[in-house]
């Protein structure tokens, strides 16, 4: 009788602890900060923004801006069967830009980032629609 009561209490305690376990959540906001499209790769959040002058890309990690000068980067834009690579130039803060670049409606866009210090690569796909 005591053993059965102990096992029942232990089972209930295990169920309660499992229910109280924290839910895994992404580290960083997926809400656009510059009115663009947002995707995540690992812990890195990338926002792609079409502007009147070209395309801007903003990079953050855990809601903290990454220094754009620490990366080499390029856009690969695929539309109507044509693929075009455009270099992104580091600007102030966490912004990279491709002056004159245009992303046609429905184009698939890939942002490729390479960390200059570590050589780590990050690829983020913005699917065409």
C-alpha atoms as a PDB file:
ATOM      1  CA  UNK A   1       0.000   0.000   0.000  1.00  0.00           C
ATOM      2  CA  UNK A   2       2.770   2.447   0.925  1.00  0.00           C
ATOM      3  CA  UNK A   3       4.708   1.600  -2.263  1.00  0.00           C
ATOM      4  CA  UNK A   4       1.659   2.210  -4.452  1.00  0.00           C
ATOM      5  CA  UNK A   5       0.975   5.544  -2.745  1.00  0.00           C
ATOM      6  CA  UNK A   6       4.643   6.569  -3.182  1.00  0.00           C
ATOM      7  CA  UNK A   7       4.622   5.687  -6.905  1.00  0.00           C
ATOM      8  CA  UNK A   8       1.375   7.601  -7.443  1.00  0.00           C
ATOM      9  CA  UNK A   9       2.806  10.672  -5.700  1.00  0.00           C
ATOM     10  CA  UNK A  10       6.059  10.415  -7.675  1.00  0.00           C
ATOM     11  CA  UNK A  11       4.156  10.097 -10.960  1.00  0.00           C
ATOM     12  CA  UNK A  12       2.040  13.152 -10.178  1.00  0.00           C
ATOM     13  CA  UNK A  13       5.142  15.169  -9.243  1.00  0.00           C
ATOM     14  CA  UNK A  14       6.871  14.216 -12.514  1.00  0.00           C
ATOM     15  CA  UNK A  15       3.817  15.211 -14.547  1.00  0.00           C
ATOM     16  CA  UNK A  16       3.582  18.586 -12.810  1.00  0.00           C
ATOM     17  CA  UNK A  17       7.277  19.301 -13.335  1.00  0.00           C
ATOM     18  CA  UNK A  18       7.000  18.441 -17.039  1.00  0.00           C
ATOM     19  CA  UNK A  19       4.028  20.766 -17.401  1.00  0.00           C
ATOM     20  CA  UNK A  20       5.952  23.576 -15.703  1.00  0.00           C
ATOM     21  CA  UNK A  21       8.990  23.185 -17.974  1.00  0.00           C
ATOM     22  CA  UNK A  22       9.756  26.355 -19.939  1.00  0.00           C
ATOM     23  CA  UNK A  23       8.748  26.447 -23.571  1.00  0.00           C
ATOM     24  CA  UNK A  24      11.638  26.814 -26.034  1.00  0.00           C
ATOM     25  CA  UNK A  25      11.449  30.177 -27.771  1.00  0.00           C
ATOM     26  CA  UNK A  26      13.499  31.936 -30.406  1.00  0.00           C
ATOM     27  CA  UNK A  27      16.165  34.301 -29.117  1.00  0.00           C
ATOM     28  CA  UNK A  28      15.301  37.559 -30.738  1.00  0.00           C
ATOM     29  CA  UNK A  29      12.288  39.320 -32.097  1.00  0.00           C
ATOM     30  CA  UNK A  30      10.911  38.310 -35.456  1.00  0.00           C
ATOM     31  CA  UNK A  31       9.072  41.652 -35.663  1.00  0.00           C
ATOM     32  CA  UNK A  32      10.427  43.883 -38.450  1.00  0.00           C
ATOM     33  CA  UNK A  33      12.223  46.947 -37.099  1.00  0.00           C
ATOM     34  CA  UNK A  34      12.580  48.667 -40.506  1.00  0.00           C
ATOM     35  CA  UNK A  35       9.331  47.624 -42.253  1.00  0.00           C
ATOM     36  CA  UNK A  36      11.023  44.738 -44.073  1.00  0.00           C
ATOM     37  CA  UNK A  37      10.807  40.950 -44.218  1.00  0.00           C
ATOM     38  CA  UNK A  38      12.385  38.985 -41.379  1.00  0.00           C
ATOM     39  CA  UNK A  39      13.934  35.507 -41.338  1.00  0.00           C
ATOM     40  CA  UNK A  40      16.098  33.711 -38.788  1.00  0.00           C
ATOM     41  CA  UNK A  41      19.097  31.437 -39.224  1.00  0.00           C
ATOM     42  CA  UNK A  42      20.254  29.911 -35.952  1.00  0.00           C
ATOM     43  CA  UNK A  43      20.385  32.833 -33.535  1.00  0.00           C
ATOM     44  CA  UNK A  44      20.830  35.471 -36.252  1.00  0.00           C
ATOM     45  CA  UNK A  45      17.836  37.543 -37.317  1.00  0.00           C
ATOM     46  CA  UNK A  46      18.049  39.127 -40.769  1.00  0.00           C
ATOM     47  CA  UNK A  47      15.697  41.837 -41.985  1.00  0.00           C
ATOM     48  CA  UNK A  48      15.533  42.488 -45.734  1.00  0.00           C
ATOM     49  CA  UNK A  49      14.275  45.954 -46.695  1.00  0.00           C
ATOM     50  CA  UNK A  50      13.621  47.211 -50.230  1.00  0.00           C
ATOM     51  CA  UNK A  51      14.224  50.967 -50.371  1.00  0.00           C
ATOM     52  CA  UNK A  52      14.009  53.625 -53.073  1.00  0.00           C
ATOM     53  CA  UNK A  53      17.830  53.519 -53.352  1.00  0.00           C
ATOM     54  CA  UNK A  54      18.297  49.730 -53.298  1.00  0.00           C
ATOM     55  CA  UNK A  55      18.199  47.005 -50.660  1.00  0.00           C
ATOM     56  CA  UNK A  56      19.192  47.189 -47.012  1.00  0.00           C
ATOM     57  CA  UNK A  57      19.870  44.247 -44.715  1.00  0.00           C
ATOM     58  CA  UNK A  58      19.895  44.555 -40.929  1.00  0.00           C
ATOM     59  CA  UNK A  59      21.463  41.849 -38.742  1.00  0.00           C
ATOM     60  CA  UNK A  60      20.823  41.153 -35.070  1.00  0.00           C
ATOM     61  CA  UNK A  61      21.380  38.380 -32.587  1.00  0.00           C
ATOM     62  CA  UNK A  62      19.245  38.057 -29.458  1.00  0.00           C
ATOM     63  CA  UNK A  63      17.830  41.539 -30.175  1.00  0.00           C
ATOM     64  CA  UNK A  64      21.332  43.058 -30.151  1.00  0.00           C
ATOM     65  CA  UNK A  65      22.658  44.626 -33.373  1.00  0.00           C
ATOM     66  CA  UNK A  66      25.647  42.901 -34.943  1.00  0.00           C
ATOM     67  CA  UNK A  67      28.400  45.132 -36.328  1.00  0.00           C
ATOM     68  CA  UNK A  68      27.935  44.995 -40.103  1.00  0.00           C
ATOM     69  CA  UNK A  69      31.629  45.798 -40.678  1.00  0.00           C
ATOM     70  CA  UNK A  70      32.438  42.386 -39.186  1.00  0.00           C
ATOM     71  CA  UNK A  71      30.859  40.609 -42.171  1.00  0.00           C
ATOM     72  CA  UNK A  72      31.253  40.212 -45.896  1.00  0.00           C
ATOM     73  CA  UNK A  73      27.882  39.713 -47.537  1.00  0.00           C
ATOM     74  CA  UNK A  74      25.993  39.323 -50.779  1.00  0.00           C
ATOM     75  CA  UNK A  75      22.464  39.004 -52.094  1.00  0.00           C
ATOM     76  CA  UNK A  76      21.484  36.362 -54.590  1.00  0.00           C
ATOM     77  CA  UNK A  77      18.266  37.312 -56.338  1.00  0.00           C
ATOM     78  CA  UNK A  78      16.494  34.699 -58.479  1.00  0.00           C
ATOM     79  CA  UNK A  79      13.604  35.826 -60.668  1.00  0.00           C
ATOM     80  CA  UNK A  80      12.153  34.471 -63.905  1.00  0.00           C
ATOM     81  CA  UNK A  81      14.904  31.859 -64.105  1.00  0.00           C
ATOM     82  CA  UNK A  82      17.661  34.475 -63.881  1.00  0.00           C
ATOM     83  CA  UNK A  83      20.092  34.564 -60.960  1.00  0.00           C
ATOM     84  CA  UNK A  84      21.941  37.743 -60.021  1.00  0.00           C
ATOM     85  CA  UNK A  85      24.542  38.207 -57.258  1.00  0.00           C
ATOM     86  CA  UNK A  86      24.897  41.638 -55.687  1.00  0.00           C
ATOM     87  CA  UNK A  87      27.492  42.552 -53.042  1.00  0.00           C
ATOM     88  CA  UNK A  88      26.280  44.079 -49.790  1.00  0.00           C
ATOM     89  CA  UNK A  89      28.417  46.882 -48.349  1.00  0.00           C
ATOM     90  CA  UNK A  90      28.696  47.391 -44.592  1.00  0.00           C
ATOM     91  CA  UNK A  91      27.322  50.695 -43.389  1.00  0.00           C
ATOM     92  CA  UNK A  92      27.077  52.145 -39.882  1.00  0.00           C
ATOM     93  CA  UNK A  93      25.742  49.904 -37.135  1.00  0.00           C
ATOM     94  CA  UNK A  94      24.069  46.686 -38.212  1.00  0.00           C
ATOM     95  CA  UNK A  95      23.107  47.769 -41.743  1.00  0.00           C
ATOM     96  CA  UNK A  96      24.460  46.404 -44.997  1.00  0.00           C
ATOM     97  CA  UNK A  97      23.323  47.892 -48.292  1.00  0.00           C
ATOM     98  CA  UNK A  98      23.220  47.146 -52.010  1.00  0.00           C
ATOM     99  CA  UNK A  99      22.740  50.510 -53.716  1.00  0.00           C
ATOM    100  CA  UNK A 100      20.786  50.196 -56.946  1.00  0.00           C
ATOM    101  CA  UNK A 101      19.672  46.603 -56.312  1.00  0.00           C
ATOM    102  CA  UNK A 102      16.048  45.784 -57.043  1.00  0.00           C
ATOM    103  CA  UNK A 103      14.120  42.720 -55.931  1.00  0.00           C
ATOM    104  CA  UNK A 104      11.414  41.929 -58.501  1.00  0.00           C
ATOM    105  CA  UNK A 105       8.004  40.832 -57.254  1.00  0.00           C
ATOM    106  CA  UNK A 106       8.014  37.092 -56.584  1.00  0.00           C
ATOM    107  CA  UNK A 107      11.819  36.811 -56.551  1.00  0.00           C
ATOM    108  CA  UNK A 108      13.617  34.439 -54.217  1.00  0.00           C
ATOM    109  CA  UNK A 109      16.372  36.263 -52.328  1.00  0.00           C
ATOM    110  CA  UNK A 110      19.245  34.720 -50.395  1.00  0.00           C
ATOM    111  CA  UNK A 111      21.384  36.727 -47.988  1.00  0.00           C
ATOM    112  CA  UNK A 112      24.830  35.183 -47.494  1.00  0.00           C
ATOM    113  CA  UNK A 113      26.930  36.495 -44.598  1.00  0.00           C
ATOM    114  CA  UNK A 114      30.489  35.510 -43.686  1.00  0.00           C
ATOM    115  CA  UNK A 115      31.932  36.505 -40.327  1.00  0.00           C
ATOM    116  CA  UNK A 116      35.357  38.043 -41.071  1.00  0.00           C
ATOM    117  CA  UNK A 117      36.858  36.944 -37.740  1.00  0.00           C
ATOM    118  CA  UNK A 118      35.634  33.347 -37.507  1.00  0.00           C
ATOM    119  CA  UNK A 119      34.790  32.494 -41.108  1.00  0.00           C
ATOM    120  CA  UNK A 120      31.352  31.282 -39.986  1.00  0.00           C
ATOM    121  CA  UNK A 121      28.729  31.506 -42.714  1.00  0.00           C
ATOM    122  CA  UNK A 122      25.068  32.337 -42.393  1.00  0.00           C
ATOM    123  CA  UNK A 123      22.559  31.851 -45.202  1.00  0.00           C
ATOM    124  CA  UNK A 124      19.035  33.214 -44.999  1.00  0.00           C
ATOM    125  CA  UNK A 125      16.405  32.521 -47.656  1.00  0.00           C
ATOM    126  CA  UNK A 126      13.525  34.870 -48.372  1.00  0.00           C
ATOM    127  CA  UNK A 127      11.242  32.780 -50.576  1.00  0.00           C
ATOM    128  CA  UNK A 128       9.543  34.398 -53.533  1.00  0.00           C
ATOM    129  CA  UNK A 129       5.777  34.633 -53.514  1.00  0.00           C
END
